[in-house]
Amino acid sequence: MQKTSQKLMAPLFAASIVMSSLALAGCEEDGPAEEVGEKIDESVNDAKRAVEDAAD
């Protein structure tokens, strides 16, 4: 039984390495939607700070 689990672990480990590599490769560059999302986040944070400052 233990040899069967060892035989299954090698391909599963290899598959997990490949999937991790693909996931990391896809995250190298920000696309236009990511950049727009970051700008929206910055705008929301700026608005929050402005409201907090006005409340003080």
Foldseek 3Di string as FASTA:
>chain_A
DVVVVVVVVVVVVVVVVVVVVVVVVVPPDDDPVNVVVVVVVVVVVVVVVVVVVVVD
